[in-house]
Amino acid sequence: MVSAGLFRRVAFTTAFFAYLQIALGGLVRVTGSGLGCPDWPLCHGRPYPPADIHSIIEYSHRSVGTLTGLLLIATVVLAWLVFRQQRPLVAWLATGSLVAIAGEGALGGVVVANELAPWLVLIHLGLAMVILGFLLATALMSLPAGAGVPGLRLWTALAAAATYVLLLTGSTVVASNADQGCHSWPLCGGGFSIDFGGANAFTMLHRGAVLVIGILIVYIAITALRQPTLRVAGLATLVVFALQVAVGAGAGITDAPFFNGMHVAIATLVWAGMLSIALLALPRVDRVPAFSQLAVEKRPA
């Protein structure tokens, strides 16, 4: 019989590979490797990539995606075996990730066919974050039963939603090439003067959103440090958010592929951290089987 412990290991492994796929997707974008394999699902008409760096990067992204899909199927099957009666929410969350990744795979083919249209790339990233969210929820909601943190549920949910929106606004800036005209930090006009001219307006709006939502992220993470069940997630989120600010500054000033690639990868970790805090603040309750409840009701007083 499959144990809940085994399921959790599989679920967290699947979530990790989903994150790795997103990070590789960011590498594909910043290195301009999106058309390294111009056809899909093959690569230059073959089941393996040619000896070209862009083809290898793009093919690696697809390969990790395939492995993630297989792990996800295993997660869904195990979720129904282990939690369909005890905690059916876990099984439905796993199933939701399977539906989403099927849509992501189909969308990937459309993105390639449309030669990386910016709005399709944005939807592709947004759906990838949703898949990661489903997988994190599947893993975290399978943890042993707990009451959560009632007083923080609303604020943590709002912070997670705001972080998701912030991530997509940053992707919009990159996809539209608005960041190419702003090579200074923290502002565009030489670093310390406001510049809303042309495409710089989009970059300035994104950085303004980073400031406002960043304050909320720090507040929620510090508040989480005071809760034993949220402490690890809160500390990890604070660390990755500080790292994200530093990498964002490097990306803004240098426009180097390293910083740009890390910017996407660490932004995903910030989203995962805020979502984890929000999920851990929710209650995890096992459903009482009907026959057990009936036995309790019939027990003499």
C-alpha atoms as a PDB file:
ATOM      1  CA  MET A   1       0.000   0.000   0.000  1.00  0.00           C
ATOM      2  CA  VAL A   2       1.272   3.475  -0.889  1.00  0.00           C
ATOM      3  CA  SER A   3       1.995   5.628   2.162  1.00  0.00           C
ATOM      4  CA  ALA A   4       1.302   9.322   2.582  1.00  0.00           C
ATOM      5  CA  GLY A   5       5.038   9.837   3.140  1.00  0.00           C
ATOM      6  CA  LEU A   6       5.906   8.372  -0.255  1.00  0.00           C
ATOM      7  CA  PHE A   7       3.253  10.515  -1.904  1.00  0.00           C
ATOM      8  CA  ARG A   8       4.686  13.668  -0.334  1.00  0.00           C
ATOM      9  CA  ARG A   9       8.170  12.844  -1.612  1.00  0.00           C
ATOM     10  CA  VAL A  10       6.835  12.314  -5.122  1.00  0.00           C
ATOM     11  CA  ALA A  11       4.692  15.471  -4.965  1.00  0.00           C
ATOM     12  CA  PHE A  12       7.535  17.714  -3.801  1.00  0.00           C
ATOM     13  CA  THR A  13       9.867  16.194  -6.424  1.00  0.00           C
ATOM     14  CA  THR A  14       7.309  16.953  -9.116  1.00  0.00           C
ATOM     15  CA  ALA A  15       6.999  20.541  -7.894  1.00  0.00           C
ATOM     16  CA  PHE A  16      10.804  20.891  -8.003  1.00  0.00           C
ATOM     17  CA  PHE A  17      10.972  19.689 -11.613  1.00  0.00           C
ATOM     18  CA  ALA A  18       8.146  22.053 -12.523  1.00  0.00           C
ATOM     19  CA  TYR A  19      10.220  24.885 -11.076  1.00  0.00           C
ATOM     20  CA  LEU A  20      13.286  23.663 -12.992  1.00  0.00           C
ATOM     21  CA  GLN A  21      11.307  23.735 -16.217  1.00  0.00           C
ATOM     22  CA  ILE A  22      10.258  27.333 -15.577  1.00  0.00           C
ATOM     23  CA  ALA A  23      13.871  28.320 -14.805  1.00  0.00           C
ATOM     24  CA  LEU A  24      15.012  26.675 -18.048  1.00  0.00           C
ATOM     25  CA  GLY A  25      12.234  28.495 -19.845  1.00  0.00           C
ATOM     26  CA  GLY A  26      13.722  31.764 -18.601  1.00  0.00           C
ATOM     27  CA  LEU A  27      17.130  30.648 -19.878  1.00  0.00           C
ATOM     28  CA  VAL A  28      15.574  29.872 -23.258  1.00  0.00           C
ATOM     29  CA  ARG A  29      14.203  33.392 -23.444  1.00  0.00           C
ATOM     30  CA  VAL A  30      17.271  35.366 -22.359  1.00  0.00           C
ATOM     31  CA  THR A  31      19.605  33.383 -24.643  1.00  0.00           C
ATOM     32  CA  GLY A  32      17.263  33.729 -27.603  1.00  0.00           C
ATOM     33  CA  SER A  33      16.945  29.952 -27.904  1.00  0.00           C
ATOM     34  CA  GLY A  34      13.183  29.839 -28.325  1.00  0.00           C
ATOM     35  CA  LEU A  35      13.523  28.825 -31.964  1.00  0.00           C
ATOM     36  CA  GLY A  36      16.504  26.551 -31.380  1.00  0.00           C
ATOM     37  CA  CYS A  37      14.059  23.790 -32.284  1.00  0.00           C
ATOM     38  CA  PRO A  38      11.795  25.454 -34.854  1.00  0.00           C
ATOM     39  CA  ASP A  39       9.440  22.473 -35.053  1.00  0.00           C
ATOM     40  CA  TRP A  40       7.505  20.642 -32.354  1.00  0.00           C
ATOM     41  CA  PRO A  41       7.617  18.053 -30.830  1.00  0.00           C
ATOM     42  CA  LEU A  42      10.721  17.149 -32.913  1.00  0.00           C
ATOM     43  CA  CYS A  43      13.852  19.295 -33.195  1.00  0.00           C
ATOM     44  CA  HIS A  44      14.889  20.034 -36.779  1.00  0.00           C
ATOM     45  CA  GLY A  45      12.895  16.973 -37.785  1.00  0.00           C
ATOM     46  CA  ARG A  46      14.782  14.686 -35.400  1.00  0.00           C
ATOM     47  CA  PRO A  47      14.043  13.284 -31.918  1.00  0.00           C
ATOM     48  CA  TYR A  48      17.303  14.786 -30.600  1.00  0.00           C
ATOM     49  CA  PRO A  49      18.917  18.229 -31.012  1.00  0.00           C
ATOM     50  CA  PRO A  50      21.834  19.069 -33.333  1.00  0.00           C
ATOM     51  CA  ALA A  51      25.181  20.213 -31.899  1.00  0.00           C
ATOM     52  CA  ASP A  52      24.038  23.800 -31.465  1.00  0.00           C
ATOM     53  CA  ILE A  53      23.859  25.593 -28.106  1.00  0.00           C
ATOM     54  CA  HIS A  54      20.444  27.138 -28.778  1.00  0.00           C
ATOM     55  CA  SER A  55      18.981  23.813 -29.902  1.00  0.00           C
ATOM     56  CA  ILE A  56      20.421  22.077 -26.839  1.00  0.00           C
ATOM     57  CA  ILE A  57      18.989  24.675 -24.451  1.00  0.00           C
ATOM     58  CA  GLU A  58      15.549  24.527 -26.046  1.00  0.00           C
ATOM     59  CA  TYR A  59      15.616  20.727 -26.179  1.00  0.00           C
ATOM     60  CA  SER A  60      16.670  20.552 -22.504  1.00  0.00           C
ATOM     61  CA  HIS A  61      13.666  22.684 -21.642  1.00  0.00           C
ATOM     62  CA  ARG A  62      11.381  20.328 -23.529  1.00  0.00           C
ATOM     63  CA  SER A  63      13.001  17.233 -21.994  1.00  0.00           C
ATOM     64  CA  VAL A  64      12.547  18.484 -18.446  1.00  0.00           C
ATOM     65  CA  GLY A  65       8.973  19.288 -19.372  1.00  0.00           C
ATOM     66  CA  THR A  66       8.449  15.692 -20.492  1.00  0.00           C
ATOM     67  CA  LEU A  67       9.915  14.329 -17.263  1.00  0.00           C
ATOM     68  CA  THR A  68       7.768  16.746 -15.280  1.00  0.00           C
ATOM     69  CA  GLY A  69       4.721  15.466 -17.119  1.00  0.00           C
ATOM     70  CA  LEU A  70       5.538  11.853 -16.237  1.00  0.00           C
ATOM     71  CA  LEU A  71       6.105  12.754 -12.589  1.00  0.00           C
ATOM     72  CA  LEU A  72       2.862  14.685 -12.598  1.00  0.00           C
ATOM     73  CA  ILE A  73       0.923  11.659 -13.862  1.00  0.00           C
ATOM     74  CA  ALA A  74       2.457   9.603 -11.047  1.00  0.00           C
ATOM     75  CA  THR A  75       1.475  12.315  -8.565  1.00  0.00           C
ATOM     76  CA  VAL A  76      -2.135  12.304  -9.764  1.00  0.00           C
ATOM     77  CA  VAL A  77      -2.423   8.505  -9.599  1.00  0.00           C
ATOM     78  CA  LEU A  78      -0.898   8.360  -6.125  1.00  0.00           C
ATOM     79  CA  ALA A  79      -3.048  11.252  -4.928  1.00  0.00           C
ATOM     80  CA  TRP A  80      -6.223   9.361  -5.774  1.00  0.00           C
ATOM     81  CA  LEU A  81      -4.880   6.161  -4.232  1.00  0.00           C
ATOM     82  CA  VAL A  82      -3.810   7.778  -0.964  1.00  0.00           C
ATOM     83  CA  PHE A  83      -6.091  10.756  -0.406  1.00  0.00           C
ATOM     84  CA  ARG A  84      -9.347  10.156  -2.273  1.00  0.00           C
ATOM     85  CA  GLN A  85     -11.181   9.381   1.008  1.00  0.00           C
ATOM     86  CA  GLN A  86      -8.986  10.942   3.664  1.00  0.00           C
ATOM     87  CA  ARG A  87      -8.471  14.343   2.014  1.00  0.00           C
ATOM     88  CA  PRO A  88      -9.955  14.472  -1.515  1.00  0.00           C
ATOM     89  CA  LEU A  89      -8.864  18.107  -2.006  1.00  0.00           C
ATOM     90  CA  VAL A  90      -5.306  16.833  -2.545  1.00  0.00           C
ATOM     91  CA  ALA A  91      -6.454  14.522  -5.346  1.00  0.00           C
ATOM     92  CA  TRP A  92      -8.411  17.298  -7.057  1.00  0.00           C
ATOM     93  CA  LEU A  93      -5.477  19.723  -6.832  1.00  0.00           C
ATOM     94  CA  ALA A  94      -3.223  17.130  -8.457  1.00  0.00           C
ATOM     95  CA  THR A  95      -5.798  16.587 -11.187  1.00  0.00           C
ATOM     96  CA  GLY A  96      -5.992  20.335 -11.767  1.00  0.00           C
ATOM     97  CA  SER A  97      -2.235  20.430 -12.397  1.00  0.00           C
ATOM     98  CA  LEU A  98      -2.589  17.634 -14.956  1.00  0.00           C
ATOM     99  CA  VAL A  99      -5.271  19.546 -16.861  1.00  0.00           C
ATOM    100  CA  ALA A 100      -3.160  22.713 -16.759  1.00  0.00           C
ATOM    101  CA  ILE A 101       0.010  20.994 -18.001  1.00  0.00           C
ATOM    102  CA  ALA A 102      -1.915  19.479 -20.903  1.00  0.00           C
ATOM    103  CA  GLY A 103      -2.961  22.999 -21.880  1.00  0.00           C
ATOM    104  CA  GLU A 104       0.626  24.210 -21.415  1.00  0.00           C
ATOM    105  CA  GLY A 105       1.963  21.554 -23.766  1.00  0.00           C
ATOM    106  CA  ALA A 106      -0.541  22.486 -26.465  1.00  0.00           C
ATOM    107  CA  LEU A 107       0.206  26.173 -25.942  1.00  0.00           C
ATOM    108  CA  GLY A 108       3.932  25.504 -26.309  1.00  0.00           C
ATOM    109  CA  GLY A 109       3.322  24.259 -29.840  1.00  0.00           C
ATOM    110  CA  VAL A 110       1.253  27.367 -30.616  1.00  0.00           C
ATOM    111  CA  VAL A 111       4.012  29.632 -29.245  1.00  0.00           C
ATOM    112  CA  VAL A 112       6.595  28.044 -31.546  1.00  0.00           C
ATOM    113  CA  ALA A 113       4.235  28.113 -34.531  1.00  0.00           C
ATOM    114  CA  ASN A 114       3.638  31.849 -33.980  1.00  0.00           C
ATOM    115  CA  GLU A 115       7.387  32.532 -33.641  1.00  0.00           C
ATOM    116  CA  LEU A 116       7.286  33.570 -29.976  1.00  0.00           C
ATOM    117  CA  ALA A 117       4.551  36.212 -30.154  1.00  0.00           C
ATOM    118  CA  PRO A 118       4.977  38.251 -26.909  1.00  0.00           C
ATOM    119  CA  TRP A 119       1.389  37.846 -25.727  1.00  0.00           C
ATOM    120  CA  LEU A 120       1.576  34.067 -26.191  1.00  0.00           C
ATOM    121  CA  VAL A 121       4.901  33.910 -24.314  1.00  0.00           C
ATOM    122  CA  LEU A 122       3.246  35.823 -21.449  1.00  0.00           C
ATOM    123  CA  ILE A 123       0.298  33.405 -21.320  1.00  0.00           C
ATOM    124  CA  HIS A 124       2.750  30.493 -21.503  1.00  0.00           C
ATOM    125  CA  LEU A 125       4.635  31.783 -18.440  1.00  0.00           C
ATOM    126  CA  GLY A 126       1.434  32.595 -16.563  1.00  0.00           C
ATOM    127  CA  LEU A 127       0.098  29.089 -17.072  1.00  0.00           C
ATOM    128  CA  ALA A 128       3.455  27.609 -16.016  1.00  0.00           C
ATOM    129  CA  MET A 129       3.145  29.504 -12.725  1.00  0.00           C
ATOM    130  CA  VAL A 130      -0.376  28.161 -12.284  1.00  0.00           C
ATOM    131  CA  ILE A 131       0.921  24.603 -12.782  1.00  0.00           C
ATOM    132  CA  LEU A 132       3.646  25.184 -10.188  1.00  0.00           C
ATOM    133  CA  GLY A 133       0.984  26.588  -7.879  1.00  0.00           C
ATOM    134  CA  PHE A 134      -1.206  23.509  -8.261  1.00  0.00           C
ATOM    135  CA  LEU A 135       1.750  21.208  -7.580  1.00  0.00           C
ATOM    136  CA  LEU A 136       2.861  23.165  -4.515  1.00  0.00           C
ATOM    137  CA  ALA A 137      -0.704  23.119  -3.230  1.00  0.00           C
ATOM    138  CA  THR A 138      -0.887  19.360  -3.821  1.00  0.00           C
ATOM    139  CA  ALA A 139       2.305  18.750  -1.844  1.00  0.00           C
ATOM    140  CA  LEU A 140       1.653  21.192   0.990  1.00  0.00           C
ATOM    141  CA  MET A 141      -1.988  20.279   1.498  1.00  0.00           C
ATOM    142  CA  SER A 142      -0.935  16.632   1.863  1.00  0.00           C
ATOM    143  CA  LEU A 143       1.089  17.443   4.992  1.00  0.00           C
ATOM    144  CA  PRO A 144      -0.210  16.159   8.345  1.00  0.00           C
ATOM    145  CA  ALA A 145      -3.450  17.741   9.570  1.00  0.00           C
ATOM    146  CA  GLY A 146      -3.174  21.181  11.128  1.00  0.00           C
ATOM    147  CA  ALA A 147      -5.279  24.211  11.967  1.00  0.00           C
ATOM    148  CA  GLY A 148      -3.252  26.694   9.914  1.00  0.00           C
ATOM    149  CA  VAL A 149      -3.083  30.353  10.936  1.00  0.00           C
ATOM    150  CA  PRO A 150      -6.612  31.844  10.744  1.00  0.00           C
ATOM    151  CA  GLY A 151      -5.569  35.461  11.282  1.00  0.00           C
ATOM    152  CA  LEU A 152      -3.243  35.529   8.270  1.00  0.00           C
ATOM    153  CA  ARG A 153      -5.251  33.715   5.624  1.00  0.00           C
ATOM    154  CA  LEU A 154      -6.671  36.766   3.850  1.00  0.00           C
ATOM    155  CA  TRP A 155      -3.449  38.788   3.816  1.00  0.00           C
ATOM    156  CA  THR A 156      -1.284  35.893   2.706  1.00  0.00           C
ATOM    157  CA  ALA A 157      -3.708  35.102  -0.122  1.00  0.00           C
ATOM    158  CA  LEU A 158      -3.657  38.743  -1.270  1.00  0.00           C
ATOM    159  CA  ALA A 159       0.144  38.829  -1.122  1.00  0.00           C
ATOM    160  CA  ALA A 160       0.428  35.633  -3.167  1.00  0.00           C
ATOM    161  CA  ALA A 161      -1.981  36.993  -5.794  1.00  0.00           C
ATOM    162  CA  ALA A 162      -0.099  40.306  -5.940  1.00  0.00           C
ATOM    163  CA  THR A 163       3.216  38.469  -6.370  1.00  0.00           C
ATOM    164  CA  TYR A 164       1.776  36.520  -9.293  1.00  0.00           C
ATOM    165  CA  VAL A 165       0.632  39.737 -10.978  1.00  0.00           C
ATOM    166  CA  LEU A 166       4.021  41.355 -10.321  1.00  0.00           C
ATOM    167  CA  LEU A 167       5.804  38.437 -11.966  1.00  0.00           C
ATOM    168  CA  LEU A 168       3.642  38.756 -15.078  1.00  0.00           C
ATOM    169  CA  THR A 169       4.231  42.521 -15.316  1.00  0.00           C
ATOM    170  CA  GLY A 170       7.977  41.871 -15.289  1.00  0.00           C
ATOM    171  CA  SER A 171       7.551  39.307 -18.038  1.00  0.00           C
ATOM    172  CA  THR A 172       5.561  41.838 -20.048  1.00  0.00           C
ATOM    173  CA  VAL A 173       8.407  44.352 -19.798  1.00  0.00           C
ATOM    174  CA  VAL A 174      10.901  41.783 -21.100  1.00  0.00           C
ATOM    175  CA  ALA A 175       8.619  40.389 -23.815  1.00  0.00           C
ATOM    176  CA  SER A 176       7.926  43.878 -25.180  1.00  0.00           C
ATOM    177  CA  ASN A 177      11.649  44.807 -25.056  1.00  0.00           C
ATOM    178  CA  ALA A 178      10.758  47.815 -22.918  1.00  0.00           C
ATOM    179  CA  ASP A 179      13.761  47.048 -20.693  1.00  0.00           C
ATOM    180  CA  GLN A 180      16.195  47.686 -23.561  1.00  0.00           C
ATOM    181  CA  GLY A 181      15.925  51.459 -23.167  1.00  0.00           C
ATOM    182  CA  CYS A 182      16.508  51.520 -19.404  1.00  0.00           C
ATOM    183  CA  HIS A 183      19.987  50.475 -18.319  1.00  0.00           C
ATOM    184  CA  SER A 184      20.045  52.061 -14.883  1.00  0.00           C
ATOM    185  CA  TRP A 185      18.636  51.288 -11.438  1.00  0.00           C
ATOM    186  CA  PRO A 186      16.500  51.874  -9.393  1.00  0.00           C
ATOM    187  CA  LEU A 187      14.945  54.393 -11.821  1.00  0.00           C
ATOM    188  CA  CYS A 188      15.391  54.762 -15.554  1.00  0.00           C
ATOM    189  CA  GLY A 189      16.577  58.361 -15.853  1.00  0.00           C
ATOM    190  CA  GLY A 190      20.208  57.890 -14.879  1.00  0.00           C
ATOM    191  CA  GLY A 191      19.191  55.795 -11.891  1.00  0.00           C
ATOM    192  CA  PHE A 192      17.792  58.544  -9.678  1.00  0.00           C
ATOM    193  CA  SER A 193      15.441  60.586 -11.860  1.00  0.00           C
ATOM    194  CA  ILE A 194      12.006  59.648 -13.169  1.00  0.00           C
ATOM    195  CA  ASP A 195      11.735  58.897 -16.865  1.00  0.00           C
ATOM    196  CA  PHE A 196       8.319  58.016 -18.278  1.00  0.00           C
ATOM    197  CA  GLY A 197       9.321  58.617 -21.877  1.00  0.00           C
ATOM    198  CA  GLY A 198       8.356  55.973 -24.414  1.00  0.00           C
ATOM    199  CA  ALA A 199       8.902  52.353 -23.437  1.00  0.00           C
ATOM    200  CA  ASN A 200      10.583  53.429 -20.193  1.00  0.00           C
ATOM    201  CA  ALA A 201       7.104  54.078 -18.826  1.00  0.00           C
ATOM    202  CA  PHE A 202       6.432  50.323 -18.703  1.00  0.00           C
ATOM    203  CA  THR A 203       9.709  49.661 -16.904  1.00  0.00           C
ATOM    204  CA  MET A 204       9.019  52.452 -14.408  1.00  0.00           C
ATOM    205  CA  LEU A 205       5.524  51.121 -13.711  1.00  0.00           C
ATOM    206  CA  HIS A 206       6.939  47.645 -13.091  1.00  0.00           C
ATOM    207  CA  ARG A 207       9.568  48.959 -10.708  1.00  0.00           C
ATOM    208  CA  GLY A 208       6.934  51.006  -8.902  1.00  0.00           C
ATOM    209  CA  ALA A 209       4.878  47.837  -8.523  1.00  0.00           C
ATOM    210  CA  VAL A 210       7.973  46.068  -7.173  1.00  0.00           C
ATOM    211  CA  LEU A 211       8.288  48.740  -4.477  1.00  0.00           C
ATOM    212  CA  VAL A 212       4.630  48.604  -3.407  1.00  0.00           C
ATOM    213  CA  ILE A 213       4.155  44.838  -3.609  1.00  0.00           C
ATOM    214  CA  GLY A 214       7.649  44.277  -2.240  1.00  0.00           C
ATOM    215  CA  ILE A 215       6.651  46.075   0.977  1.00  0.00           C
ATOM    216  CA  LEU A 216       3.685  43.708   1.253  1.00  0.00           C
ATOM    217  CA  ILE A 217       5.911  40.676   0.605  1.00  0.00           C
ATOM    218  CA  VAL A 218       8.385  41.713   3.305  1.00  0.00           C
ATOM    219  CA  TYR A 219       5.572  42.435   5.764  1.00  0.00           C
ATOM    220  CA  ILE A 220       3.947  39.027   5.239  1.00  0.00           C
ATOM    221  CA  ALA A 221       7.293  37.198   5.383  1.00  0.00           C
ATOM    222  CA  ILE A 222       8.302  38.930   8.644  1.00  0.00           C
ATOM    223  CA  THR A 223       4.869  38.207  10.108  1.00  0.00           C
ATOM    224  CA  ALA A 224       5.275  34.557   9.091  1.00  0.00           C
ATOM    225  CA  LEU A 225       8.513  34.382  11.087  1.00  0.00           C
ATOM    226  CA  ARG A 226       6.454  34.753  14.257  1.00  0.00           C
ATOM    227  CA  GLN A 227       4.402  31.649  13.473  1.00  0.00           C
ATOM    228  CA  PRO A 228       6.103  28.271  14.103  1.00  0.00           C
ATOM    229  CA  THR A 229       4.369  26.591  11.157  1.00  0.00           C
ATOM    230  CA  LEU A 230       5.259  29.420   8.749  1.00  0.00           C
ATOM    231  CA  ARG A 231       8.749  30.293   9.970  1.00  0.00           C
ATOM    232  CA  VAL A 232      10.762  28.321   7.405  1.00  0.00           C
ATOM    233  CA  ALA A 233       8.670  29.558   4.481  1.00  0.00           C
ATOM    234  CA  GLY A 234       8.857  33.137   5.763  1.00  0.00           C
ATOM    235  CA  LEU A 235      12.639  33.080   6.153  1.00  0.00           C
ATOM    236  CA  ALA A 236      13.172  31.461   2.748  1.00  0.00           C
ATOM    237  CA  THR A 237      10.914  34.050   1.098  1.00  0.00           C
ATOM    238  CA  LEU A 238      12.798  36.939   2.708  1.00  0.00           C
ATOM    239  CA  VAL A 239      16.122  35.540   1.494  1.00  0.00           C
ATOM    240  CA  VAL A 240      15.015  34.951  -2.099  1.00  0.00           C
ATOM    241  CA  PHE A 241      13.263  38.327  -2.270  1.00  0.00           C
ATOM    242  CA  ALA A 242      16.457  40.122  -1.159  1.00  0.00           C
ATOM    243  CA  LEU A 243      18.385  38.116  -3.749  1.00  0.00           C
ATOM    244  CA  GLN A 244      15.793  39.013  -6.375  1.00  0.00           C
ATOM    245  CA  VAL A 245      16.232  42.731  -5.699  1.00  0.00           C
ATOM    246  CA  ALA A 246      20.011  42.396  -6.085  1.00  0.00           C
ATOM    247  CA  VAL A 247      19.712  40.356  -9.295  1.00  0.00           C
ATOM    248  CA  GLY A 248      17.083  42.778 -10.621  1.00  0.00           C
ATOM    249  CA  ALA A 249      19.525  45.641 -10.113  1.00  0.00           C
ATOM    250  CA  GLY A 250      22.211  43.694 -11.968  1.00  0.00           C
ATOM    251  CA  ALA A 251      19.821  42.942 -14.821  1.00  0.00           C
ATOM    252  CA  GLY A 252      18.736  46.588 -15.048  1.00  0.00           C
ATOM    253  CA  ILE A 253      22.270  47.963 -15.113  1.00  0.00           C
ATOM    254  CA  THR A 254      24.126  45.385 -17.209  1.00  0.00           C
ATOM    255  CA  ASP A 255      21.402  43.604 -19.233  1.00  0.00           C
ATOM    256  CA  ALA A 256      23.658  40.527 -18.981  1.00  0.00           C
ATOM    257  CA  PRO A 257      22.067  37.153 -19.867  1.00  0.00           C
ATOM    258  CA  PHE A 258      23.188  35.720 -16.495  1.00  0.00           C
ATOM    259  CA  PHE A 259      21.279  38.337 -14.506  1.00  0.00           C
ATOM    260  CA  ASN A 260      18.259  38.181 -16.811  1.00  0.00           C
ATOM    261  CA  GLY A 261      18.084  34.412 -16.532  1.00  0.00           C
ATOM    262  CA  MET A 262      18.481  34.440 -12.753  1.00  0.00           C
ATOM    263  CA  HIS A 263      15.868  37.185 -12.494  1.00  0.00           C
ATOM    264  CA  VAL A 264      13.150  34.898 -13.859  1.00  0.00           C
ATOM    265  CA  ALA A 265      14.307  31.892 -11.828  1.00  0.00           C
ATOM    266  CA  ILE A 266      14.412  33.767  -8.520  1.00  0.00           C
ATOM    267  CA  ALA A 267      11.139  35.605  -9.221  1.00  0.00           C
ATOM    268  CA  THR A 268       9.547  32.178  -9.507  1.00  0.00           C
ATOM    269  CA  LEU A 269      10.985  31.272  -6.095  1.00  0.00           C
ATOM    270  CA  VAL A 270       9.482  34.435  -4.598  1.00  0.00           C
ATOM    271  CA  TRP A 271       6.088  33.445  -6.018  1.00  0.00           C
ATOM    272  CA  ALA A 272       6.518  29.910  -4.688  1.00  0.00           C
ATOM    273  CA  GLY A 273       7.489  31.243  -1.268  1.00  0.00           C
ATOM    274  CA  MET A 274       4.507  33.575  -0.960  1.00  0.00           C
ATOM    275  CA  LEU A 275       2.149  30.890  -2.191  1.00  0.00           C
ATOM    276  CA  SER A 276       3.610  28.419   0.311  1.00  0.00           C
ATOM    277  CA  ILE A 277       2.983  30.846   3.175  1.00  0.00           C
ATOM    278  CA  ALA A 278      -0.608  31.322   2.006  1.00  0.00           C
ATOM    279  CA  LEU A 279      -1.179  27.558   1.709  1.00  0.00           C
ATOM    280  CA  LEU A 280       0.379  26.758   5.075  1.00  0.00           C
ATOM    281  CA  ALA A 281      -1.914  29.309   6.684  1.00  0.00           C
ATOM    282  CA  LEU A 282      -4.918  27.238   5.544  1.00  0.00           C
ATOM    283  CA  PRO A 283      -6.315  24.361   7.634  1.00  0.00           C
ATOM    284  CA  ARG A 284      -5.551  20.774   6.630  1.00  0.00           C
ATOM    285  CA  VAL A 285      -8.407  18.607   7.831  1.00  0.00           C
ATOM    286  CA  ASP A 286      -8.998  14.916   7.208  1.00  0.00           C
ATOM    287  CA  ARG A 287     -12.503  13.888   6.283  1.00  0.00           C
ATOM    288  CA  VAL A 288     -14.134  11.559   8.799  1.00  0.00           C
ATOM    289  CA  PRO A 289     -15.481   8.407   7.069  1.00  0.00           C
ATOM    290  CA  ALA A 290     -19.273   8.121   7.188  1.00  0.00           C
ATOM    291  CA  PHE A 291     -19.228   4.810   9.082  1.00  0.00           C
ATOM    292  CA  SER A 292     -16.927   6.283  11.788  1.00  0.00           C
ATOM    293  CA  GLN A 293     -19.182   9.295  12.246  1.00  0.00           C
ATOM    294  CA  LEU A 294     -22.222   7.005  12.506  1.00  0.00           C
ATOM    295  CA  ALA A 295     -20.486   4.951  15.163  1.00  0.00           C
ATOM    296  CA  VAL A 296     -19.774   8.078  17.192  1.00  0.00           C
ATOM    297  CA  GLU A 297     -23.399   9.211  16.948  1.00  0.00           C
ATOM    298  CA  LYS A 298     -24.641   5.801  18.159  1.00  0.00           C
ATOM    299  CA  ARG A 299     -22.197   5.628  21.063  1.00  0.00           C
ATOM    300  CA  PRO A 300     -24.122   5.720  24.380  1.00  0.00           C
ATOM    301  CA  ALA A 301     -23.845   8.918  26.381  1.00  0.00           C
END
